[in-house]
Amino acid sequence: MMDALEDDNEISFSVKFLGRVEVVRPDGLQILEEAARSLKTQDHSSEKAAKKSKVHLFLSLSGIDILENKTKFLLYSCSLSTISFCAVLPSSPKVFGFVARHPAADVYHCYLFQNKKFSHVLVSVVGDAFRASKKEESIRGGRDLIVEALRHKNKMLQRENDELKRRLAGQIN
């Protein structure tokens, strides 16, 4: 279920969190399939199968936050710049996931979720947010260049102004 929040730049989705698995590559459907198989193997090998927990997925231009449904405890936070792949599992259309690089280590994790109705929509929205953040980043980068150019021009004009003041002071004396 999608919830529109007061802040137009953030969207919340209620989904089942299947788990997070360390993966060897940053992208590809095969990585998602392997991660899903790994989670199923972990569930069956443990004596007590872990119950899939309901979470809120908060998506904004800065990233994806995964909050536990009942406690609102932040489980994971991934900036969009670390996300390298997002897709629906072809073998299981209700399951979708994304791969993100760990911010402090050279490691990739695959985050898998389940949603009965909106998996394709969620993947599309994540893709749109990723593209929008890249566009915003390039616009911001362009603005940074303009600001830097204006600072440089200001510094040059201040030097010229100081030089003119010295010449004027020398002519008066």
N, C-alpha and C. Protein backbone atom coordinates (compact mmCIF):
# COMPACT_ATOMS: atom_id res chain seq x y z
N MET A 1 0.84 -1.18 0.00
CA MET A 1 0.00 0.00 0.00
C MET A 1 0.88 1.23 0.00
N MET A 2 0.56 2.19 -0.83
CA MET A 2 1.34 3.42 -0.91
C MET A 2 0.66 4.49 -0.07
N ASP A 3 1.47 5.25 0.66
CA ASP A 3 0.95 6.33 1.48
C ASP A 3 1.62 7.62 1.03
N ALA A 4 0.83 8.62 0.71
CA ALA A 4 1.42 9.93 0.39
C ALA A 4 1.66 10.65 1.71
N LEU A 5 2.85 11.15 1.88
CA LEU A 5 3.18 11.87 3.10
C LEU A 5 3.02 13.36 2.89
N GLU A 6 3.08 14.12 3.99
CA GLU A 6 2.96 15.58 3.89
C GLU A 6 4.08 16.16 3.04
N ASP A 7 5.27 15.61 3.17
CA ASP A 7 6.41 16.07 2.40
C ASP A 7 6.34 15.44 1.01
N ASP A 8 6.18 16.25 -0.02
CA ASP A 8 6.03 15.74 -1.37
C ASP A 8 7.28 15.03 -1.87
N ASN A 9 8.40 15.18 -1.19
CA ASN A 9 9.64 14.58 -1.63
C ASN A 9 9.90 13.22 -1.01
N GLU A 10 8.93 12.66 -0.30
CA GLU A 10 9.10 11.37 0.34
C GLU A 10 7.83 10.55 0.18
N ILE A 11 8.02 9.27 -0.11
CA ILE A 11 6.90 8.35 -0.28
C ILE A 11 7.13 7.17 0.64
N SER A 12 6.05 6.66 1.21
CA SER A 12 6.15 5.53 2.12
C SER A 12 5.37 4.35 1.56
N PHE A 13 5.95 3.16 1.68
CA PHE A 13 5.30 1.93 1.23
C PHE A 13 5.32 0.93 2.38
N SER A 14 4.24 0.21 2.54
CA SER A 14 4.18 -0.85 3.53
C SER A 14 4.43 -2.17 2.79
N VAL A 15 5.51 -2.87 3.15
CA VAL A 15 5.90 -4.11 2.48
C VAL A 15 6.41 -5.12 3.50
N LYS A 16 6.57 -6.37 3.07
CA LYS A 16 7.20 -7.38 3.91
C LYS A 16 8.69 -7.39 3.58
N PHE A 17 9.50 -7.34 4.62
CA PHE A 17 10.95 -7.38 4.44
C PHE A 17 11.38 -8.84 4.55
N LEU A 18 11.94 -9.36 3.47
CA LEU A 18 12.38 -10.74 3.45
C LEU A 18 13.78 -10.91 4.02
N GLY A 19 14.59 -9.86 3.87
CA GLY A 19 15.92 -9.93 4.45
C GLY A 19 16.97 -9.21 3.63
N ARG A 20 18.19 -9.22 4.19
CA ARG A 20 19.34 -8.59 3.55
C ARG A 20 20.43 -9.64 3.44
N VAL A 21 21.04 -9.73 2.26
CA VAL A 21 22.06 -10.72 2.01
C VAL A 21 23.27 -10.04 1.37
N GLU A 22 24.47 -10.40 1.83
CA GLU A 22 25.68 -9.90 1.18
C GLU A 22 25.82 -10.59 -0.17
N VAL A 23 26.13 -9.80 -1.21
CA VAL A 23 26.27 -10.34 -2.56
C VAL A 23 27.64 -9.98 -3.13
N VAL A 24 28.02 -10.69 -4.19
CA VAL A 24 29.37 -10.52 -4.73
C VAL A 24 29.46 -9.47 -5.83
N ARG A 25 28.33 -9.16 -6.46
CA ARG A 25 28.33 -8.17 -7.55
C ARG A 25 27.28 -7.11 -7.28
N PRO A 26 27.45 -5.92 -7.89
CA PRO A 26 26.52 -4.83 -7.62
C PRO A 26 25.23 -4.85 -8.44
N ASP A 27 25.10 -5.76 -9.41
CA ASP A 27 23.88 -5.70 -10.21
C ASP A 27 23.56 -7.04 -10.89
N GLY A 28 22.36 -7.09 -11.44
CA GLY A 28 21.93 -8.25 -12.21
C GLY A 28 20.79 -9.02 -11.56
N LEU A 29 19.89 -9.52 -12.41
CA LEU A 29 18.78 -10.33 -11.92
C LEU A 29 19.27 -11.60 -11.25
N GLN A 30 20.39 -12.13 -11.74
CA GLN A 30 20.95 -13.34 -11.16
C GLN A 30 21.33 -13.11 -9.69
N ILE A 31 21.83 -11.93 -9.37
CA ILE A 31 22.18 -11.59 -7.99
C ILE A 31 20.93 -11.62 -7.10
N LEU A 32 19.82 -11.04 -7.61
CA LEU A 32 18.57 -11.05 -6.84
C LEU A 32 18.08 -12.48 -6.63
N GLU A 33 18.14 -13.30 -7.68
CA GLU A 33 17.70 -14.69 -7.59
C GLU A 33 18.55 -15.45 -6.56
N GLU A 34 19.88 -15.26 -6.62
CA GLU A 34 20.77 -15.94 -5.68
C GLU A 34 20.49 -15.49 -4.24
N ALA A 35 20.25 -14.20 -4.06
CA ALA A 35 19.95 -13.68 -2.73
C ALA A 35 18.65 -14.29 -2.20
N ALA A 36 17.63 -14.39 -3.06
CA ALA A 36 16.35 -14.98 -2.65
C ALA A 36 16.54 -16.45 -2.27
N ARG A 37 17.31 -17.18 -3.05
CA ARG A 37 17.58 -18.59 -2.73
C ARG A 37 18.33 -18.69 -1.40
N SER A 38 19.28 -17.80 -1.20
CA SER A 38 20.06 -17.80 0.04
C SER A 38 19.15 -17.57 1.25
N LEU A 39 18.21 -16.65 1.12
CA LEU A 39 17.27 -16.38 2.23
C LEU A 39 16.38 -17.58 2.50
N LYS A 40 15.93 -18.26 1.44
CA LYS A 40 15.08 -19.44 1.62
C LYS A 40 15.87 -20.55 2.31
N THR A 41 17.12 -20.71 1.92
CA THR A 41 17.98 -21.73 2.53
C THR A 41 18.19 -21.42 4.01
N GLN A 42 18.43 -20.16 4.33
CA GLN A 42 18.61 -19.75 5.73
C GLN A 42 17.35 -20.04 6.54
N ASP A 43 16.17 -19.74 5.95
CA ASP A 43 14.91 -19.97 6.66
C ASP A 43 14.70 -21.45 6.95
N HIS A 44 14.99 -22.30 5.94
CA HIS A 44 14.75 -23.73 6.11
C HIS A 44 15.79 -24.38 7.02
N SER A 45 17.01 -23.86 7.02
CA SER A 45 18.07 -24.48 7.83
C SER A 45 17.93 -24.12 9.31
N SER A 46 17.34 -22.98 9.60
CA SER A 46 17.19 -22.62 11.01
C SER A 46 16.02 -23.38 11.62
N GLU A 47 16.14 -23.67 12.91
CA GLU A 47 15.08 -24.43 13.59
C GLU A 47 13.77 -23.66 13.58
N LYS A 48 13.88 -22.39 13.83
CA LYS A 48 12.68 -21.55 13.87
C LYS A 48 12.77 -20.58 12.70
N ALA A 49 11.94 -20.79 11.71
CA ALA A 49 11.98 -19.93 10.52
C ALA A 49 11.64 -18.50 10.92
N ALA A 50 12.46 -17.59 10.46
CA ALA A 50 12.23 -16.17 10.78
C ALA A 50 10.97 -15.69 10.07
N LYS A 51 10.10 -15.07 10.84
CA LYS A 51 8.87 -14.55 10.26
C LYS A 51 9.20 -13.29 9.47
N LYS A 52 8.63 -13.20 8.30
CA LYS A 52 8.85 -12.02 7.47
C LYS A 52 8.22 -10.83 8.18
N SER A 53 8.99 -9.80 8.40
CA SER A 53 8.49 -8.66 9.14
C SER A 53 7.94 -7.59 8.21
N LYS A 54 6.89 -6.95 8.66
CA LYS A 54 6.31 -5.86 7.92
C LYS A 54 7.13 -4.60 8.20
N VAL A 55 7.46 -3.86 7.16
CA VAL A 55 8.26 -2.66 7.32
C VAL A 55 7.65 -1.53 6.50
N HIS A 56 8.11 -0.33 6.81
CA HIS A 56 7.79 0.83 5.99
C HIS A 56 9.05 1.18 5.22
N LEU A 57 8.89 1.30 3.93
CA LEU A 57 9.98 1.70 3.04
C LEU A 57 9.76 3.17 2.73
N PHE A 58 10.65 4.02 3.19
CA PHE A 58 10.55 5.45 2.92
C PHE A 58 11.52 5.79 1.79
N LEU A 59 10.98 6.33 0.72
CA LEU A 59 11.78 6.66 -0.45
C LEU A 59 11.78 8.17 -0.65
N SER A 60 12.98 8.74 -0.77
CA SER A 60 13.12 10.17 -1.04
C SER A 60 14.25 10.35 -2.04
N LEU A 61 14.51 11.58 -2.42
CA LEU A 61 15.61 11.85 -3.35
C LEU A 61 16.97 11.59 -2.70
N SER A 62 17.00 11.50 -1.39
CA SER A 62 18.28 11.24 -0.73
C SER A 62 18.52 9.75 -0.52
N GLY A 63 17.46 8.94 -0.43
CA GLY A 63 17.69 7.51 -0.25
C GLY A 63 16.47 6.73 0.15
N ILE A 64 16.74 5.50 0.60
CA ILE A 64 15.69 4.59 1.05
C ILE A 64 15.95 4.26 2.51
N ASP A 65 14.94 4.47 3.35
CA ASP A 65 15.01 4.09 4.76
C ASP A 65 14.03 2.96 4.99
N ILE A 66 14.48 1.96 5.74
CA ILE A 66 13.64 0.81 6.05
C ILE A 66 13.38 0.84 7.55
N LEU A 67 12.11 1.05 7.93
CA LEU A 67 11.71 1.14 9.33
C LEU A 67 10.82 -0.03 9.72
N GLU A 68 11.07 -0.59 10.89
CA GLU A 68 10.23 -1.66 11.41
C GLU A 68 8.84 -1.11 11.63
N ASN A 69 7.83 -1.85 11.26
CA ASN A 69 6.46 -1.35 11.26
C ASN A 69 5.96 -0.92 12.64
N LYS A 70 6.07 -1.78 13.62
CA LYS A 70 5.47 -1.48 14.93
C LYS A 70 6.27 -0.45 15.72
N THR A 71 7.58 -0.62 15.79
CA THR A 71 8.40 0.25 16.63
C THR A 71 8.91 1.49 15.91
N LYS A 72 8.84 1.50 14.60
CA LYS A 72 9.39 2.59 13.75
C LYS A 72 10.90 2.70 13.92
N PHE A 73 11.53 1.61 14.36
CA PHE A 73 12.98 1.54 14.51
C PHE A 73 13.61 1.47 13.12
N LEU A 74 14.64 2.29 12.89
CA LEU A 74 15.33 2.31 11.60
C LEU A 74 16.20 1.08 11.48
N LEU A 75 15.85 0.18 10.55
CA LEU A 75 16.63 -1.03 10.34
C LEU A 75 17.83 -0.76 9.44
N TYR A 76 17.56 -0.11 8.31
CA TYR A 76 18.60 0.18 7.33
C TYR A 76 18.32 1.51 6.65
N SER A 77 19.38 2.15 6.20
CA SER A 77 19.26 3.38 5.44
C SER A 77 20.28 3.31 4.30
N CYS A 78 19.81 3.50 3.08
CA CYS A 78 20.69 3.42 1.91
C CYS A 78 20.51 4.69 1.09
N SER A 79 21.59 5.43 0.88
CA SER A 79 21.47 6.61 0.03
C SER A 79 21.33 6.13 -1.41
N LEU A 80 20.63 6.91 -2.22
CA LEU A 80 20.40 6.51 -3.61
C LEU A 80 21.71 6.38 -4.38
N SER A 81 22.72 7.13 -3.97
CA SER A 81 24.00 7.05 -4.68
C SER A 81 24.69 5.70 -4.49
N THR A 82 24.30 4.94 -3.45
CA THR A 82 24.91 3.62 -3.22
C THR A 82 24.14 2.50 -3.89
N ILE A 83 22.93 2.79 -4.38
CA ILE A 83 22.10 1.75 -5.00
C ILE A 83 22.52 1.56 -6.45
N SER A 84 22.81 0.30 -6.80
CA SER A 84 23.31 0.02 -8.14
C SER A 84 22.33 -0.77 -8.99
N PHE A 85 21.30 -1.36 -8.38
CA PHE A 85 20.37 -2.20 -9.14
C PHE A 85 19.07 -2.35 -8.36
N CYS A 86 17.96 -2.39 -9.10
CA CYS A 86 16.65 -2.59 -8.49
C CYS A 86 15.77 -3.30 -9.51
N ALA A 87 15.07 -4.37 -9.10
CA ALA A 87 14.23 -5.10 -10.04
C ALA A 87 13.25 -6.00 -9.30
N VAL A 88 12.28 -6.51 -10.07
CA VAL A 88 11.34 -7.52 -9.60
C VAL A 88 11.93 -8.87 -10.00
N LEU A 89 11.81 -9.86 -9.13
CA LEU A 89 12.30 -11.19 -9.46
C LEU A 89 11.39 -11.80 -10.54
N PRO A 90 11.95 -12.18 -11.67
CA PRO A 90 11.13 -12.79 -12.72
C PRO A 90 10.46 -14.09 -12.26
N SER A 91 11.14 -14.85 -11.41
CA SER A 91 10.60 -16.13 -10.94
C SER A 91 9.52 -15.95 -9.87
N SER A 92 9.46 -14.76 -9.28
CA SER A 92 8.49 -14.49 -8.23
C SER A 92 8.06 -13.02 -8.30
N PRO A 93 7.05 -12.71 -9.12
CA PRO A 93 6.68 -11.32 -9.39
C PRO A 93 6.24 -10.49 -8.19
N LYS A 94 5.98 -11.13 -7.06
CA LYS A 94 5.60 -10.38 -5.86
C LYS A 94 6.83 -9.92 -5.08
N VAL A 95 8.00 -10.41 -5.47
CA VAL A 95 9.24 -10.10 -4.76
C VAL A 95 10.08 -9.13 -5.57
N PHE A 96 10.58 -8.11 -4.89
CA PHE A 96 11.47 -7.16 -5.54
C PHE A 96 12.62 -6.85 -4.58
N GLY A 97 13.66 -6.30 -5.15
CA GLY A 97 14.79 -5.99 -4.30
C GLY A 97 15.73 -4.99 -4.95
N PHE A 98 16.67 -4.52 -4.16
CA PHE A 98 17.70 -3.64 -4.69
C PHE A 98 19.04 -4.01 -4.08
N VAL A 99 20.10 -3.65 -4.80
CA VAL A 99 21.46 -3.90 -4.34
C VAL A 99 22.08 -2.55 -4.02
N ALA A 100 22.73 -2.47 -2.86
CA ALA A 100 23.37 -1.23 -2.45
C ALA A 100 24.75 -1.52 -1.88
N ARG A 101 25.66 -0.60 -2.11
CA ARG A 101 27.01 -0.69 -1.57
C ARG A 101 26.98 -0.20 -0.12
N HIS A 102 27.69 -0.91 0.74
CA HIS A 102 27.79 -0.48 2.14
C HIS A 102 28.56 0.83 2.17
N PRO A 103 28.13 1.83 2.94
CA PRO A 103 28.78 3.14 2.92
C PRO A 103 30.22 3.15 3.44
N ALA A 104 30.56 2.21 4.33
CA ALA A 104 31.89 2.24 4.94
C ALA A 104 32.81 1.11 4.47
N ALA A 105 32.27 0.11 3.78
CA ALA A 105 33.08 -1.03 3.35
C ALA A 105 32.82 -1.31 1.88
N ASP A 106 33.74 -2.01 1.27
CA ASP A 106 33.58 -2.36 -0.15
C ASP A 106 32.78 -3.66 -0.25
N VAL A 107 31.52 -3.61 0.20
CA VAL A 107 30.65 -4.76 0.26
C VAL A 107 29.28 -4.36 -0.29
N TYR A 108 28.64 -5.29 -0.98
CA TYR A 108 27.30 -5.04 -1.51
C TYR A 108 26.29 -5.92 -0.78
N HIS A 109 25.11 -5.34 -0.53
CA HIS A 109 24.01 -6.09 0.09
C HIS A 109 22.79 -6.02 -0.81
N CYS A 110 22.06 -7.12 -0.84
CA CYS A 110 20.80 -7.17 -1.57
C CYS A 110 19.68 -7.16 -0.53
N TYR A 111 18.76 -6.23 -0.69
CA TYR A 111 17.61 -6.09 0.20
C TYR A 111 16.39 -6.61 -0.56
N LEU A 112 15.69 -7.58 0.02
CA LEU A 112 14.54 -8.18 -0.67
C LEU A 112 13.25 -7.93 0.10
N PHE A 113 12.19 -7.66 -0.68
CA PHE A 113 10.88 -7.32 -0.12
C PHE A 113 9.80 -8.08 -0.88
N GLN A 114 8.63 -8.14 -0.27
CA GLN A 114 7.49 -8.76 -0.93
C GLN A 114 6.29 -7.83 -0.82
N ASN A 115 5.59 -7.67 -1.94
CA ASN A 115 4.36 -6.91 -1.96
C ASN A 115 3.46 -7.55 -3.01
N LYS A 116 2.25 -7.91 -2.61
CA LYS A 116 1.37 -8.68 -3.50
C LYS A 116 0.90 -7.91 -4.72
N LYS A 117 0.74 -6.58 -4.59
CA LYS A 117 0.14 -5.83 -5.68
C LYS A 117 1.07 -4.84 -6.37
N PHE A 118 2.03 -4.28 -5.65
CA PHE A 118 2.74 -3.12 -6.17
C PHE A 118 4.23 -3.31 -6.47
N SER A 119 4.72 -4.53 -6.55
CA SER A 119 6.15 -4.75 -6.76
C SER A 119 6.70 -3.99 -7.96
N HIS A 120 6.04 -4.11 -9.11
CA HIS A 120 6.51 -3.44 -10.32
C HIS A 120 6.46 -1.92 -10.16
N VAL A 121 5.41 -1.43 -9.51
CA VAL A 121 5.28 0.01 -9.29
C VAL A 121 6.40 0.51 -8.38
N LEU A 122 6.69 -0.25 -7.33
CA LEU A 122 7.74 0.15 -6.40
C LEU A 122 9.10 0.22 -7.08
N VAL A 123 9.40 -0.76 -7.91
CA VAL A 123 10.68 -0.75 -8.64
C VAL A 123 10.73 0.45 -9.58
N SER A 124 9.63 0.74 -10.22
CA SER A 124 9.56 1.90 -11.12
C SER A 124 9.78 3.21 -10.36
N VAL A 125 9.16 3.31 -9.19
CA VAL A 125 9.30 4.53 -8.37
C VAL A 125 10.74 4.69 -7.88
N VAL A 126 11.37 3.59 -7.48
CA VAL A 126 12.77 3.65 -7.05
C VAL A 126 13.64 4.12 -8.22
N GLY A 127 13.37 3.58 -9.41
CA GLY A 127 14.11 4.01 -10.60
C GLY A 127 13.91 5.48 -10.89
N ASP A 128 12.67 5.95 -10.77
CA ASP A 128 12.38 7.38 -10.99
C ASP A 128 13.12 8.25 -9.98
N ALA A 129 13.12 7.83 -8.72
CA ALA A 129 13.81 8.59 -7.68
C ALA A 129 15.31 8.62 -7.95
N PHE A 130 15.85 7.49 -8.41
CA PHE A 130 17.28 7.42 -8.73
C PHE A 130 17.62 8.40 -9.85
N ARG A 131 16.82 8.39 -10.91
CA ARG A 131 17.05 9.31 -12.03
C ARG A 131 16.88 10.77 -11.58
N ALA A 132 15.88 11.04 -10.78
CA ALA A 132 15.65 12.40 -10.28
C ALA A 132 16.81 12.86 -9.40
N SER A 133 17.34 11.97 -8.58
CA SER A 133 18.46 12.35 -7.71
C SER A 133 19.70 12.63 -8.55
N LYS A 134 19.91 11.87 -9.61
CA LYS A 134 21.05 12.11 -10.50
C LYS A 134 20.90 13.46 -11.19
N LYS A 135 19.66 13.77 -11.62
CA LYS A 135 19.40 15.06 -12.27
C LYS A 135 19.64 16.19 -11.28
N GLU A 136 19.13 16.04 -10.06
CA GLU A 136 19.31 17.04 -9.00
C GLU A 136 20.79 17.21 -8.69
N GLU A 137 21.52 16.09 -8.66
CA GLU A 137 22.96 16.13 -8.37
C GLU A 137 23.70 16.90 -9.46
N SER A 138 23.32 16.67 -10.73
CA SER A 138 24.00 17.38 -11.82
C SER A 138 23.63 18.86 -11.81
N ILE A 139 22.38 19.18 -11.48
CA ILE A 139 21.97 20.59 -11.38
C ILE A 139 22.73 21.24 -10.23
N ARG A 140 22.79 20.55 -9.09
CA ARG A 140 23.52 21.07 -7.93
C ARG A 140 24.99 21.25 -8.28
N GLY A 141 25.56 20.29 -9.01
CA GLY A 141 26.95 20.41 -9.43
C GLY A 141 27.15 21.61 -10.33
N GLY A 142 26.18 21.87 -11.23
CA GLY A 142 26.25 23.05 -12.08
C GLY A 142 26.15 24.32 -11.28
N ARG A 143 25.30 24.34 -10.27
CA ARG A 143 25.17 25.50 -9.39
C ARG A 143 26.46 25.73 -8.62
N ASP A 144 27.08 24.65 -8.17
CA ASP A 144 28.34 24.77 -7.45
C ASP A 144 29.40 25.43 -8.32
N LEU A 145 29.44 25.07 -9.60
CA LEU A 145 30.41 25.69 -10.51
C LEU A 145 30.12 27.17 -10.68
N ILE A 146 28.87 27.54 -10.79
CA ILE A 146 28.49 28.95 -10.94
C ILE A 146 28.88 29.73 -9.68
N VAL A 147 28.58 29.17 -8.52
CA VAL A 147 28.93 29.83 -7.26
C VAL A 147 30.44 30.01 -7.16
N GLU A 148 31.18 28.97 -7.52
CA GLU A 148 32.65 29.06 -7.47
C GLU A 148 33.17 30.12 -8.44
N ALA A 149 32.58 30.19 -9.63
CA ALA A 149 32.99 31.20 -10.61
C ALA A 149 32.69 32.61 -10.08
N LEU A 150 31.55 32.79 -9.45
CA LEU A 150 31.20 34.10 -8.88
C LEU A 150 32.13 34.47 -7.73
N ARG A 151 32.50 33.50 -6.91
CA ARG A 151 33.46 33.78 -5.83
C ARG A 151 34.80 34.23 -6.39
N HIS A 152 35.25 33.56 -7.43
CA HIS A 152 36.51 33.92 -8.07
C HIS A 152 36.45 35.34 -8.64
N LYS A 153 35.34 35.63 -9.34
CA LYS A 153 35.17 36.96 -9.93
C LYS A 153 35.14 38.02 -8.82
N ASN A 154 34.45 37.74 -7.72
CA ASN A 154 34.38 38.66 -6.59
C ASN A 154 35.78 38.93 -6.02
N LYS A 155 36.57 37.88 -5.88
CA LYS A 155 37.92 38.02 -5.36
C LYS A 155 38.77 38.88 -6.29
N MET A 156 38.63 38.68 -7.59
CA MET A 156 39.39 39.48 -8.57
C MET A 156 38.98 40.96 -8.50
N LEU A 157 37.68 41.21 -8.37
CA LEU A 157 37.19 42.59 -8.27
C LEU A 157 37.66 43.25 -6.97
N GLN A 158 37.72 42.49 -5.88
CA GLN A 158 38.22 43.04 -4.62
C GLN A 158 39.70 43.43 -4.75
N ARG A 159 40.48 42.59 -5.41
CA ARG A 159 41.90 42.92 -5.64
C ARG A 159 42.04 44.18 -6.48
N GLU A 160 41.25 44.26 -7.55
CA GLU A 160 41.28 45.44 -8.43
C GLU A 160 40.88 46.69 -7.64
N ASN A 161 39.86 46.56 -6.80
CA ASN A 161 39.39 47.67 -5.98
C ASN A 161 40.50 48.12 -5.01
N ASP A 162 41.17 47.17 -4.37
CA ASP A 162 42.27 47.50 -3.46
C ASP A 162 43.40 48.22 -4.20
N GLU A 163 43.73 47.77 -5.40
CA GLU A 163 44.77 48.40 -6.21
C GLU A 163 44.39 49.83 -6.57
N LEU A 164 43.14 50.02 -6.96
CA LEU A 164 42.68 51.37 -7.31
C LEU A 164 42.71 52.29 -6.09
N LYS A 165 42.34 51.77 -4.92
CA LYS A 165 42.40 52.56 -3.68
C LYS A 165 43.83 52.98 -3.39
N ARG A 166 44.81 52.07 -3.57
CA ARG A 166 46.22 52.41 -3.33
C ARG A 166 46.69 53.50 -4.29
N ARG A 167 46.33 53.40 -5.57
CA ARG A 167 46.72 54.40 -6.56
C ARG A 167 46.12 55.77 -6.21
N LEU A 168 44.84 55.73 -5.84
CA LEU A 168 44.16 56.99 -5.48
C LEU A 168 44.81 57.60 -4.25
N ALA A 169 45.12 56.80 -3.27
CA ALA A 169 45.76 57.29 -2.06
C ALA A 169 47.14 57.85 -2.39
N GLY A 170 47.85 57.24 -3.32
CA GLY A 170 49.18 57.72 -3.74
C GLY A 170 49.10 59.04 -4.48
N GLN A 171 48.06 59.29 -5.23
CA GLN A 171 47.90 60.54 -5.99
C GLN A 171 47.49 61.68 -5.08
N ILE A 172 46.72 61.39 -4.04
CA ILE A 172 46.25 62.41 -3.12
C ILE A 172 47.41 62.93 -2.27
N ASN A 173 48.29 62.04 -1.86
CA ASN A 173 49.40 62.46 -1.00
C ASN A 173 50.44 63.13 -1.78
